[in-house]
N, C-alpha and C. Protein backbone atom coordinates (compact mmCIF):
# COMPACT_ATOMS: atom_id res chain seq x y z
N MET A 1 24.51 0.11 -15.64
CA MET A 1 25.93 0.28 -15.94
C MET A 1 26.13 1.31 -17.04
N LYS A 2 27.24 1.98 -16.98
CA LYS A 2 27.63 2.90 -18.05
C LYS A 2 28.73 2.21 -18.85
N ILE A 3 28.45 1.97 -20.13
CA ILE A 3 29.35 1.19 -20.98
C ILE A 3 29.72 2.00 -22.21
N VAL A 4 31.01 2.01 -22.54
CA VAL A 4 31.44 2.60 -23.80
C VAL A 4 31.85 1.46 -24.72
N ILE A 5 31.31 1.48 -25.94
CA ILE A 5 31.60 0.45 -26.93
C ILE A 5 32.31 1.10 -28.11
N ILE A 6 33.59 0.82 -28.25
CA ILE A 6 34.35 1.35 -29.38
C ILE A 6 34.14 0.39 -30.55
N GLY A 7 33.64 0.91 -31.65
CA GLY A 7 33.30 0.06 -32.78
C GLY A 7 31.88 -0.47 -32.68
N GLY A 8 31.04 0.25 -31.97
CA GLY A 8 29.68 -0.20 -31.72
C GLY A 8 28.73 -0.09 -32.89
N LYS A 9 29.22 0.39 -34.04
CA LYS A 9 28.38 0.49 -35.24
C LYS A 9 28.76 -0.54 -36.30
N GLY A 10 29.74 -1.38 -36.01
CA GLY A 10 30.18 -2.37 -36.97
C GLY A 10 29.26 -3.58 -37.01
N THR A 11 29.66 -4.60 -37.77
CA THR A 11 28.83 -5.79 -37.95
C THR A 11 28.53 -6.46 -36.62
N ILE A 12 29.55 -6.70 -35.83
CA ILE A 12 29.37 -7.31 -34.51
C ILE A 12 28.95 -6.24 -33.50
N GLY A 13 29.57 -5.08 -33.59
CA GLY A 13 29.29 -4.00 -32.65
C GLY A 13 27.83 -3.61 -32.58
N ASN A 14 27.16 -3.59 -33.72
CA ASN A 14 25.73 -3.25 -33.74
C ASN A 14 24.91 -4.17 -32.86
N LYS A 15 25.19 -5.48 -32.96
CA LYS A 15 24.44 -6.47 -32.18
C LYS A 15 24.77 -6.36 -30.70
N VAL A 16 26.04 -6.15 -30.40
CA VAL A 16 26.46 -6.00 -29.00
C VAL A 16 25.85 -4.75 -28.39
N THR A 17 25.84 -3.67 -29.16
CA THR A 17 25.24 -2.42 -28.69
C THR A 17 23.75 -2.58 -28.43
N ASP A 18 23.06 -3.23 -29.35
CA ASP A 18 21.62 -3.45 -29.18
C ASP A 18 21.34 -4.21 -27.90
N HIS A 19 22.14 -5.22 -27.61
CA HIS A 19 21.92 -6.04 -26.42
C HIS A 19 22.12 -5.22 -25.14
N PHE A 20 23.26 -4.57 -25.02
CA PHE A 20 23.58 -3.87 -23.78
C PHE A 20 22.74 -2.61 -23.60
N SER A 21 22.24 -2.04 -24.69
CA SER A 21 21.43 -0.82 -24.59
C SER A 21 20.08 -1.05 -23.92
N LYS A 22 19.66 -2.29 -23.85
CA LYS A 22 18.34 -2.58 -23.28
C LYS A 22 18.26 -2.23 -21.80
N ASN A 23 19.37 -2.44 -21.07
CA ASN A 23 19.34 -2.23 -19.62
C ASN A 23 20.48 -1.39 -19.09
N ASN A 24 21.21 -0.75 -19.99
CA ASN A 24 22.37 0.03 -19.56
C ASN A 24 22.48 1.34 -20.34
N GLU A 25 23.29 2.24 -19.82
CA GLU A 25 23.62 3.47 -20.55
C GLU A 25 24.82 3.16 -21.43
N VAL A 26 24.60 3.17 -22.74
CA VAL A 26 25.66 2.79 -23.67
C VAL A 26 26.08 3.99 -24.51
N LEU A 27 27.37 4.22 -24.58
CA LEU A 27 27.94 5.24 -25.44
C LEU A 27 28.73 4.53 -26.54
N VAL A 28 28.39 4.82 -27.79
CA VAL A 28 29.09 4.23 -28.92
C VAL A 28 30.16 5.19 -29.41
N ALA A 29 31.37 4.66 -29.57
CA ALA A 29 32.49 5.48 -30.03
C ALA A 29 33.06 4.90 -31.32
N GLY A 30 33.49 5.78 -32.21
CA GLY A 30 34.08 5.33 -33.45
C GLY A 30 34.81 6.46 -34.14
N ARG A 31 35.54 6.13 -35.19
CA ARG A 31 36.28 7.16 -35.90
C ARG A 31 35.36 8.12 -36.64
N THR A 32 34.27 7.58 -37.20
CA THR A 32 33.39 8.42 -38.02
C THR A 32 31.92 8.34 -37.61
N SER A 33 31.58 7.48 -36.65
CA SER A 33 30.18 7.37 -36.25
C SER A 33 30.09 7.11 -34.75
N GLY A 34 28.89 7.35 -34.20
CA GLY A 34 28.69 7.16 -32.78
C GLY A 34 28.53 8.46 -32.04
N GLU A 35 28.22 8.34 -30.74
CA GLU A 35 28.06 9.54 -29.91
C GLU A 35 29.40 10.19 -29.58
N VAL A 36 30.46 9.40 -29.65
CA VAL A 36 31.79 9.87 -29.29
C VAL A 36 32.77 9.54 -30.42
N THR A 37 33.68 10.44 -30.70
CA THR A 37 34.68 10.21 -31.74
C THR A 37 35.99 9.78 -31.11
N VAL A 38 36.59 8.71 -31.66
CA VAL A 38 37.89 8.26 -31.17
C VAL A 38 38.62 7.50 -32.27
N ASP A 39 39.91 7.70 -32.32
CA ASP A 39 40.79 6.92 -33.20
C ASP A 39 41.72 6.15 -32.28
N ILE A 40 41.51 4.83 -32.17
CA ILE A 40 42.29 4.08 -31.19
C ILE A 40 43.77 3.99 -31.57
N ALA A 41 44.12 4.31 -32.81
CA ALA A 41 45.52 4.31 -33.20
C ALA A 41 46.26 5.52 -32.65
N ASP A 42 45.54 6.42 -32.01
CA ASP A 42 46.10 7.66 -31.46
C ASP A 42 45.82 7.71 -29.97
N ALA A 43 46.85 7.55 -29.15
CA ALA A 43 46.67 7.54 -27.69
C ALA A 43 46.05 8.84 -27.19
N ASN A 44 46.40 9.95 -27.81
CA ASN A 44 45.83 11.24 -27.40
C ASN A 44 44.33 11.28 -27.65
N SER A 45 43.88 10.65 -28.73
CA SER A 45 42.46 10.59 -29.03
C SER A 45 41.72 9.75 -27.99
N ILE A 46 42.35 8.67 -27.55
CA ILE A 46 41.75 7.83 -26.51
C ILE A 46 41.61 8.62 -25.21
N LYS A 47 42.66 9.32 -24.84
CA LYS A 47 42.62 10.12 -23.60
C LYS A 47 41.55 11.20 -23.70
N LYS A 48 41.44 11.83 -24.86
CA LYS A 48 40.42 12.88 -25.05
C LYS A 48 39.02 12.30 -24.92
N MET A 49 38.82 11.10 -25.46
CA MET A 49 37.51 10.45 -25.36
C MET A 49 37.13 10.23 -23.90
N PHE A 50 38.03 9.66 -23.13
CA PHE A 50 37.72 9.38 -21.73
C PHE A 50 37.57 10.66 -20.91
N ASP A 51 38.34 11.67 -21.22
CA ASP A 51 38.17 12.96 -20.54
C ASP A 51 36.76 13.50 -20.77
N GLY A 52 36.22 13.21 -21.96
CA GLY A 52 34.90 13.72 -22.29
C GLY A 52 33.76 12.92 -21.68
N ILE A 53 33.91 11.60 -21.60
CA ILE A 53 32.80 10.77 -21.11
C ILE A 53 32.89 10.47 -19.62
N GLY A 54 34.07 10.62 -19.04
CA GLY A 54 34.21 10.39 -17.61
C GLY A 54 34.26 8.91 -17.24
N MET A 55 33.92 8.62 -15.99
CA MET A 55 34.03 7.26 -15.46
C MET A 55 32.98 6.34 -16.08
N VAL A 56 33.39 5.09 -16.31
CA VAL A 56 32.49 4.08 -16.88
C VAL A 56 32.61 2.79 -16.08
N ASP A 57 31.67 1.90 -16.30
CA ASP A 57 31.69 0.60 -15.64
C ASP A 57 32.25 -0.50 -16.53
N ALA A 58 32.20 -0.28 -17.84
CA ALA A 58 32.73 -1.28 -18.76
C ALA A 58 33.21 -0.60 -20.04
N ILE A 59 34.30 -1.13 -20.56
CA ILE A 59 34.87 -0.69 -21.84
C ILE A 59 34.89 -1.91 -22.75
N ILE A 60 34.28 -1.78 -23.91
CA ILE A 60 34.28 -2.86 -24.90
C ILE A 60 34.88 -2.32 -26.18
N CYS A 61 35.89 -3.01 -26.70
CA CYS A 61 36.47 -2.60 -27.98
C CYS A 61 36.22 -3.67 -29.03
N ILE A 62 35.55 -3.28 -30.10
CA ILE A 62 35.32 -4.17 -31.24
C ILE A 62 35.82 -3.42 -32.48
N ALA A 63 37.05 -2.95 -32.38
CA ALA A 63 37.62 -2.11 -33.44
C ALA A 63 39.09 -2.44 -33.61
N GLY A 64 39.65 -1.90 -34.68
CA GLY A 64 41.06 -2.11 -34.96
C GLY A 64 41.25 -2.74 -36.32
N GLU A 65 42.25 -2.28 -37.04
CA GLU A 65 42.48 -2.79 -38.39
C GLU A 65 43.87 -3.39 -38.52
N ALA A 66 44.02 -4.24 -39.51
CA ALA A 66 45.31 -4.82 -39.86
C ALA A 66 45.31 -5.09 -41.36
N LYS A 67 46.47 -5.08 -41.95
CA LYS A 67 46.62 -5.28 -43.39
C LYS A 67 46.50 -6.76 -43.75
N TRP A 68 45.65 -7.06 -44.71
CA TRP A 68 45.52 -8.41 -45.25
C TRP A 68 46.20 -8.43 -46.62
N ALA A 69 47.24 -9.25 -46.76
CA ALA A 69 47.94 -9.38 -48.03
C ALA A 69 48.82 -10.62 -47.97
N SER A 70 49.23 -11.09 -49.13
CA SER A 70 50.13 -12.24 -49.18
C SER A 70 51.41 -11.93 -48.41
N PHE A 71 51.95 -12.95 -47.76
CA PHE A 71 53.14 -12.76 -46.91
C PHE A 71 54.27 -12.07 -47.67
N ASN A 72 54.53 -12.50 -48.90
CA ASN A 72 55.64 -11.92 -49.67
C ASN A 72 55.37 -10.51 -50.14
N ASP A 73 54.13 -10.06 -50.04
CA ASP A 73 53.79 -8.70 -50.45
C ASP A 73 53.74 -7.72 -49.27
N LEU A 74 53.70 -8.25 -48.05
CA LEU A 74 53.61 -7.38 -46.88
C LEU A 74 54.94 -6.66 -46.64
N THR A 75 54.88 -5.35 -46.52
CA THR A 75 56.06 -4.56 -46.19
C THR A 75 56.12 -4.33 -44.68
N GLU A 76 57.21 -3.81 -44.22
CA GLU A 76 57.32 -3.49 -42.80
C GLU A 76 56.24 -2.49 -42.40
N ASP A 77 56.00 -1.50 -43.24
CA ASP A 77 54.96 -0.51 -42.94
C ASP A 77 53.58 -1.15 -42.89
N ASP A 78 53.34 -2.17 -43.70
CA ASP A 78 52.06 -2.87 -43.66
C ASP A 78 51.83 -3.50 -42.28
N TYR A 79 52.87 -4.09 -41.72
CA TYR A 79 52.74 -4.70 -40.39
C TYR A 79 52.42 -3.65 -39.34
N TYR A 80 53.00 -2.46 -39.50
CA TYR A 80 52.78 -1.41 -38.51
C TYR A 80 51.34 -0.91 -38.49
N ILE A 81 50.58 -1.13 -39.57
CA ILE A 81 49.16 -0.75 -39.55
C ILE A 81 48.44 -1.50 -38.43
N GLY A 82 48.62 -2.82 -38.40
CA GLY A 82 47.99 -3.62 -37.35
C GLY A 82 48.58 -3.39 -35.98
N ILE A 83 49.90 -3.21 -35.94
CA ILE A 83 50.55 -2.96 -34.65
C ILE A 83 50.04 -1.66 -34.04
N LYS A 84 49.94 -0.62 -34.85
CA LYS A 84 49.51 0.69 -34.36
C LYS A 84 48.02 0.72 -34.02
N SER A 85 47.19 0.08 -34.85
CA SER A 85 45.75 0.16 -34.66
C SER A 85 45.22 -0.93 -33.73
N LYS A 86 45.17 -2.17 -34.22
CA LYS A 86 44.50 -3.21 -33.45
C LYS A 86 45.27 -3.61 -32.20
N LEU A 87 46.61 -3.67 -32.29
CA LEU A 87 47.39 -4.09 -31.12
C LEU A 87 47.59 -2.95 -30.13
N MET A 88 48.36 -1.94 -30.50
CA MET A 88 48.62 -0.85 -29.54
C MET A 88 47.37 -0.03 -29.27
N GLY A 89 46.45 0.02 -30.22
CA GLY A 89 45.20 0.71 -29.96
C GLY A 89 44.47 0.09 -28.77
N GLN A 90 44.41 -1.24 -28.74
CA GLN A 90 43.72 -1.91 -27.63
C GLN A 90 44.56 -1.90 -26.36
N VAL A 91 45.88 -1.99 -26.51
CA VAL A 91 46.76 -1.87 -25.35
C VAL A 91 46.56 -0.51 -24.69
N ASN A 92 46.51 0.54 -25.50
CA ASN A 92 46.33 1.89 -24.95
C ASN A 92 44.94 2.09 -24.36
N LEU A 93 43.94 1.41 -24.90
CA LEU A 93 42.61 1.47 -24.29
C LEU A 93 42.64 0.93 -22.87
N VAL A 94 43.40 -0.12 -22.66
CA VAL A 94 43.55 -0.68 -21.31
C VAL A 94 44.40 0.24 -20.44
N ARG A 95 45.53 0.64 -20.98
CA ARG A 95 46.48 1.46 -20.22
C ARG A 95 45.84 2.77 -19.75
N ILE A 96 45.13 3.43 -20.65
CA ILE A 96 44.49 4.71 -20.32
C ILE A 96 43.12 4.49 -19.69
N GLY A 97 42.35 3.57 -20.26
CA GLY A 97 40.97 3.36 -19.82
C GLY A 97 40.83 2.90 -18.39
N GLN A 98 41.81 2.14 -17.87
CA GLN A 98 41.70 1.66 -16.49
C GLN A 98 41.57 2.81 -15.49
N LYS A 99 42.10 3.96 -15.84
CA LYS A 99 42.04 5.13 -14.95
C LYS A 99 40.64 5.74 -14.93
N PHE A 100 39.82 5.37 -15.90
CA PHE A 100 38.45 5.89 -15.99
C PHE A 100 37.42 4.78 -15.73
N LEU A 101 37.87 3.69 -15.14
CA LEU A 101 37.02 2.53 -14.90
C LEU A 101 36.65 2.47 -13.42
N ASN A 102 35.36 2.40 -13.16
CA ASN A 102 34.90 2.30 -11.77
C ASN A 102 35.37 0.99 -11.15
N PRO A 103 35.46 0.92 -9.81
CA PRO A 103 35.86 -0.32 -9.15
C PRO A 103 35.02 -1.50 -9.63
N ASN A 104 35.67 -2.64 -9.82
CA ASN A 104 35.04 -3.88 -10.28
C ASN A 104 34.56 -3.80 -11.73
N GLY A 105 35.01 -2.79 -12.45
CA GLY A 105 34.64 -2.66 -13.85
C GLY A 105 35.41 -3.61 -14.74
N SER A 106 35.00 -3.67 -16.01
CA SER A 106 35.63 -4.62 -16.94
C SER A 106 36.05 -3.96 -18.24
N ILE A 107 37.08 -4.55 -18.83
CA ILE A 107 37.53 -4.15 -20.16
C ILE A 107 37.52 -5.40 -21.03
N THR A 108 36.90 -5.29 -22.20
CA THR A 108 36.84 -6.41 -23.12
C THR A 108 37.46 -6.00 -24.45
N LEU A 109 38.48 -6.75 -24.89
CA LEU A 109 39.12 -6.52 -26.17
C LEU A 109 38.63 -7.55 -27.17
N SER A 110 38.94 -7.35 -28.44
CA SER A 110 38.47 -8.27 -29.48
C SER A 110 39.61 -8.70 -30.39
N THR A 111 39.62 -9.99 -30.71
CA THR A 111 40.58 -10.52 -31.69
C THR A 111 39.80 -11.37 -32.68
N GLY A 112 40.15 -12.65 -32.80
CA GLY A 112 39.44 -13.52 -33.72
C GLY A 112 40.16 -14.83 -33.93
N VAL A 113 39.52 -15.70 -34.67
CA VAL A 113 40.00 -17.07 -34.87
C VAL A 113 41.39 -17.11 -35.52
N LEU A 114 41.78 -16.05 -36.21
CA LEU A 114 43.07 -16.04 -36.89
C LEU A 114 44.23 -16.23 -35.92
N ALA A 115 44.05 -15.90 -34.65
CA ALA A 115 45.11 -16.09 -33.66
C ALA A 115 45.46 -17.57 -33.51
N ASP A 116 44.48 -18.44 -33.70
CA ASP A 116 44.67 -19.87 -33.50
C ASP A 116 44.55 -20.68 -34.77
N ASP A 117 43.87 -20.14 -35.78
CA ASP A 117 43.61 -20.87 -37.01
C ASP A 117 43.69 -19.91 -38.19
N PRO A 118 44.90 -19.43 -38.51
CA PRO A 118 45.04 -18.43 -39.57
C PRO A 118 44.73 -18.98 -40.94
N VAL A 119 44.38 -18.07 -41.84
CA VAL A 119 44.14 -18.41 -43.24
C VAL A 119 45.12 -17.61 -44.09
N LEU A 120 45.09 -17.83 -45.39
CA LEU A 120 45.99 -17.13 -46.29
C LEU A 120 45.83 -15.61 -46.19
N LYS A 121 46.92 -14.92 -46.33
CA LYS A 121 46.99 -13.45 -46.36
C LYS A 121 46.75 -12.80 -45.00
N THR A 122 46.94 -13.56 -43.92
CA THR A 122 46.67 -13.00 -42.58
C THR A 122 47.89 -13.03 -41.66
N ALA A 123 49.09 -13.05 -42.21
CA ALA A 123 50.29 -13.08 -41.36
C ALA A 123 50.31 -11.91 -40.38
N SER A 124 49.94 -10.74 -40.86
CA SER A 124 49.93 -9.55 -40.00
C SER A 124 48.78 -9.59 -39.00
N ALA A 125 47.58 -9.90 -39.48
CA ALA A 125 46.41 -9.92 -38.60
C ALA A 125 46.53 -11.00 -37.54
N ALA A 126 47.02 -12.18 -37.92
CA ALA A 126 47.18 -13.27 -36.96
C ALA A 126 48.22 -12.91 -35.90
N MET A 127 49.30 -12.28 -36.31
CA MET A 127 50.34 -11.85 -35.38
C MET A 127 49.78 -10.89 -34.33
N VAL A 128 49.02 -9.92 -34.79
CA VAL A 128 48.44 -8.93 -33.89
C VAL A 128 47.47 -9.59 -32.91
N ASN A 129 46.61 -10.47 -33.41
CA ASN A 129 45.65 -11.15 -32.54
C ASN A 129 46.35 -11.94 -31.45
N GLY A 130 47.39 -12.68 -31.84
CA GLY A 130 48.14 -13.45 -30.86
C GLY A 130 48.80 -12.57 -29.82
N GLY A 131 49.31 -11.42 -30.25
CA GLY A 131 49.93 -10.48 -29.32
C GLY A 131 48.94 -9.95 -28.30
N ILE A 132 47.72 -9.68 -28.74
CA ILE A 132 46.69 -9.19 -27.82
C ILE A 132 46.36 -10.26 -26.77
N HIS A 133 46.30 -11.51 -27.18
CA HIS A 133 46.02 -12.58 -26.23
C HIS A 133 47.07 -12.61 -25.13
N SER A 134 48.33 -12.58 -25.51
CA SER A 134 49.41 -12.63 -24.52
C SER A 134 49.41 -11.39 -23.63
N PHE A 135 49.20 -10.24 -24.25
CA PHE A 135 49.15 -9.00 -23.46
C PHE A 135 48.05 -9.04 -22.41
N ALA A 136 46.85 -9.43 -22.80
CA ALA A 136 45.72 -9.41 -21.88
C ALA A 136 45.92 -10.36 -20.71
N GLN A 137 46.46 -11.53 -20.98
CA GLN A 137 46.68 -12.49 -19.91
C GLN A 137 47.70 -11.96 -18.90
N ALA A 138 48.71 -11.27 -19.40
CA ALA A 138 49.73 -10.72 -18.51
C ALA A 138 49.23 -9.48 -17.76
N ALA A 139 48.61 -8.55 -18.48
CA ALA A 139 48.15 -7.30 -17.86
C ALA A 139 47.07 -7.56 -16.82
N ALA A 140 46.24 -8.59 -17.04
CA ALA A 140 45.16 -8.90 -16.10
C ALA A 140 45.69 -9.24 -14.71
N LEU A 141 46.90 -9.73 -14.65
CA LEU A 141 47.51 -10.10 -13.36
C LEU A 141 47.80 -8.88 -12.50
N GLU A 142 47.89 -7.71 -13.13
CA GLU A 142 48.32 -6.52 -12.40
C GLU A 142 47.25 -5.44 -12.27
N LEU A 143 46.04 -5.75 -12.72
CA LEU A 143 44.97 -4.76 -12.59
C LEU A 143 44.59 -4.58 -11.13
N GLU A 144 44.11 -3.40 -10.81
CA GLU A 144 43.74 -3.05 -9.43
C GLU A 144 42.25 -2.74 -9.34
N GLN A 145 41.77 -2.54 -8.14
CA GLN A 145 40.38 -2.15 -7.85
C GLN A 145 39.35 -3.16 -8.37
N GLY A 146 39.75 -4.41 -8.46
CA GLY A 146 38.82 -5.43 -8.93
C GLY A 146 38.53 -5.38 -10.41
N HIS A 147 39.34 -4.67 -11.16
CA HIS A 147 39.14 -4.57 -12.61
C HIS A 147 39.39 -5.92 -13.27
N LYS A 148 38.64 -6.17 -14.34
CA LYS A 148 38.78 -7.39 -15.12
C LYS A 148 39.16 -7.04 -16.56
N LEU A 149 39.96 -7.91 -17.17
CA LEU A 149 40.37 -7.73 -18.55
C LEU A 149 40.27 -9.07 -19.26
N ASN A 150 39.43 -9.13 -20.30
CA ASN A 150 39.27 -10.34 -21.09
C ASN A 150 39.33 -10.01 -22.57
N VAL A 151 39.47 -11.06 -23.37
CA VAL A 151 39.47 -10.92 -24.82
C VAL A 151 38.41 -11.85 -25.40
N VAL A 152 37.61 -11.33 -26.32
CA VAL A 152 36.66 -12.16 -27.06
C VAL A 152 37.28 -12.47 -28.41
N SER A 153 37.42 -13.76 -28.69
CA SER A 153 38.01 -14.21 -29.95
C SER A 153 36.98 -15.05 -30.69
N LEU A 154 36.47 -14.54 -31.80
CA LEU A 154 35.36 -15.17 -32.51
C LEU A 154 35.79 -15.79 -33.83
N GLU A 155 35.07 -16.86 -34.19
CA GLU A 155 35.12 -17.39 -35.55
C GLU A 155 34.41 -16.37 -36.46
N LEU A 156 34.52 -16.54 -37.75
CA LEU A 156 33.75 -15.73 -38.70
C LEU A 156 32.27 -15.76 -38.30
N VAL A 157 31.66 -14.57 -38.22
CA VAL A 157 30.24 -14.52 -37.83
C VAL A 157 29.36 -14.58 -39.07
N ILE A 158 28.15 -15.07 -38.87
CA ILE A 158 27.24 -15.31 -39.99
C ILE A 158 26.94 -14.03 -40.77
N ASP A 159 26.87 -12.90 -40.08
CA ASP A 159 26.54 -11.65 -40.76
C ASP A 159 27.68 -11.14 -41.65
N ALA A 160 28.87 -11.69 -41.48
CA ALA A 160 30.01 -11.29 -42.32
C ALA A 160 30.42 -12.40 -43.29
N TYR A 161 29.63 -13.46 -43.32
CA TYR A 161 30.00 -14.64 -44.11
C TYR A 161 30.15 -14.32 -45.59
N GLU A 162 29.20 -13.64 -46.17
CA GLU A 162 29.25 -13.37 -47.61
C GLU A 162 30.47 -12.53 -47.98
N LYS A 163 30.84 -11.62 -47.11
CA LYS A 163 31.96 -10.73 -47.39
C LYS A 163 33.30 -11.46 -47.31
N TYR A 164 33.42 -12.41 -46.37
CA TYR A 164 34.72 -13.02 -46.11
C TYR A 164 34.81 -14.50 -46.42
N LYS A 165 33.76 -15.10 -46.99
CA LYS A 165 33.72 -16.56 -47.17
C LYS A 165 34.85 -17.08 -48.06
N ASP A 166 35.32 -16.26 -49.00
CA ASP A 166 36.39 -16.73 -49.89
C ASP A 166 37.74 -16.82 -49.18
N TYR A 167 37.87 -16.14 -48.05
CA TYR A 167 39.08 -16.24 -47.24
C TYR A 167 38.99 -17.44 -46.28
N PHE A 168 37.82 -17.62 -45.70
CA PHE A 168 37.64 -18.63 -44.65
C PHE A 168 37.02 -19.91 -45.22
N LEU A 169 37.72 -20.50 -46.17
CA LEU A 169 37.22 -21.71 -46.83
C LEU A 169 37.12 -22.85 -45.81
N GLY A 170 35.95 -23.48 -45.76
CA GLY A 170 35.74 -24.59 -44.85
C GLY A 170 35.41 -24.21 -43.43
N HIS A 171 35.41 -22.92 -43.11
CA HIS A 171 35.05 -22.48 -41.76
C HIS A 171 33.53 -22.46 -41.62
N ASN A 172 33.06 -22.78 -40.43
CA ASN A 172 31.62 -22.74 -40.15
C ASN A 172 31.31 -21.47 -39.36
N PRO A 173 30.60 -20.52 -39.95
CA PRO A 173 30.33 -19.26 -39.25
C PRO A 173 29.46 -19.48 -38.02
N ILE A 174 29.68 -18.65 -37.01
CA ILE A 174 28.88 -18.75 -35.78
C ILE A 174 27.73 -17.74 -35.83
N SER A 175 26.72 -17.99 -35.04
CA SER A 175 25.56 -17.11 -34.99
C SER A 175 25.91 -15.80 -34.30
N MET A 176 25.13 -14.77 -34.59
CA MET A 176 25.33 -13.49 -33.92
C MET A 176 24.98 -13.59 -32.45
N GLU A 177 24.06 -14.48 -32.10
CA GLU A 177 23.71 -14.69 -30.69
C GLU A 177 24.90 -15.20 -29.91
N LYS A 178 25.63 -16.15 -30.48
CA LYS A 178 26.83 -16.67 -29.80
C LYS A 178 27.88 -15.57 -29.66
N ALA A 179 28.01 -14.75 -30.70
CA ALA A 179 28.98 -13.66 -30.65
C ALA A 179 28.65 -12.68 -29.53
N VAL A 180 27.39 -12.27 -29.46
CA VAL A 180 26.96 -11.33 -28.42
C VAL A 180 27.16 -11.93 -27.04
N ASN A 181 26.81 -13.20 -26.87
CA ASN A 181 26.92 -13.83 -25.56
C ASN A 181 28.36 -13.90 -25.06
N ALA A 182 29.32 -13.94 -25.96
CA ALA A 182 30.71 -13.93 -25.54
C ALA A 182 31.05 -12.61 -24.84
N TYR A 183 30.52 -11.52 -25.37
CA TYR A 183 30.75 -10.22 -24.74
C TYR A 183 29.99 -10.11 -23.42
N VAL A 184 28.81 -10.70 -23.36
CA VAL A 184 28.05 -10.71 -22.11
C VAL A 184 28.83 -11.46 -21.04
N ARG A 185 29.41 -12.59 -21.39
CA ARG A 185 30.18 -13.38 -20.43
C ARG A 185 31.37 -12.58 -19.90
N SER A 186 32.00 -11.82 -20.77
CA SER A 186 33.16 -11.02 -20.36
C SER A 186 32.75 -9.89 -19.43
N VAL A 187 31.70 -9.18 -19.79
CA VAL A 187 31.29 -7.98 -19.04
C VAL A 187 30.57 -8.34 -17.74
N MET A 188 29.67 -9.29 -17.80
CA MET A 188 28.81 -9.57 -16.66
C MET A 188 29.35 -10.66 -15.74
N GLY A 189 30.27 -11.46 -16.22
CA GLY A 189 30.80 -12.55 -15.41
C GLY A 189 31.98 -12.12 -14.56
N GLN A 190 32.62 -13.10 -13.95
CA GLN A 190 33.75 -12.83 -13.06
C GLN A 190 35.09 -13.20 -13.69
N ARG A 191 35.08 -13.49 -14.96
CA ARG A 191 36.30 -13.89 -15.64
C ARG A 191 37.33 -12.76 -15.65
N ASN A 192 38.60 -13.13 -15.56
CA ASN A 192 39.68 -12.15 -15.66
C ASN A 192 40.88 -12.81 -16.31
N GLY A 193 41.45 -12.14 -17.30
CA GLY A 193 42.60 -12.67 -17.98
C GLY A 193 42.29 -13.84 -18.88
N GLU A 194 41.06 -13.93 -19.33
CA GLU A 194 40.65 -15.08 -20.13
C GLU A 194 40.45 -14.71 -21.59
N ILE A 195 40.83 -15.64 -22.47
CA ILE A 195 40.54 -15.51 -23.89
C ILE A 195 39.26 -16.31 -24.12
N ILE A 196 38.16 -15.62 -24.36
CA ILE A 196 36.86 -16.27 -24.55
C ILE A 196 36.74 -16.63 -26.02
N ARG A 197 37.05 -17.88 -26.34
CA ARG A 197 37.04 -18.34 -27.71
C ARG A 197 35.68 -18.92 -28.08
N VAL A 198 35.12 -18.44 -29.18
CA VAL A 198 33.87 -19.01 -29.70
C VAL A 198 34.12 -19.33 -31.17
N TYR A 199 34.51 -20.59 -31.41
CA TYR A 199 34.91 -20.99 -32.75
C TYR A 199 33.94 -21.99 -33.39
N GLN A 200 32.87 -22.33 -32.67
CA GLN A 200 31.90 -23.26 -33.26
C GLN A 200 30.53 -23.10 -32.61
């Protein structure tokens, strides 16, 4: 399979890339690293990326940012960071990417536990994650050529525990193996329109 992984150099992306690279042709895309450059907050950048790499069998996105701040400190512009990047960035990956997806190919988006179990300072991030869940379930109903669209929603992963533990008080981090397997289930299985939640 030919797979493009947006965000394939990040904490989770590195592990996912390592797994799929064993038996597939993997192209890593990112804003500042990888074989391909892309800014998912810019639809033109997404189109340019696909024009350059051509047809693929799977698209995996493990990228996108949102502002973390106290609710009373978040401005309207702060919300637009997540809307433009993590939400519309992934929407545009589906909208544009489906045209470069081989028959029976798959698209996997990424969110996280905040959609269902938010913590302090995540009003914007939780909103965006929930929006992606609803979008994917609806868009999956209208995909053609046997295309599949799923979302992987993970609990805090063990490799990011030290960095984020003060936010996720009382949360039990999941193993990197469980995180990777969620992406395997999305790409290699027959699921469509599913939110693959791995919270324990």
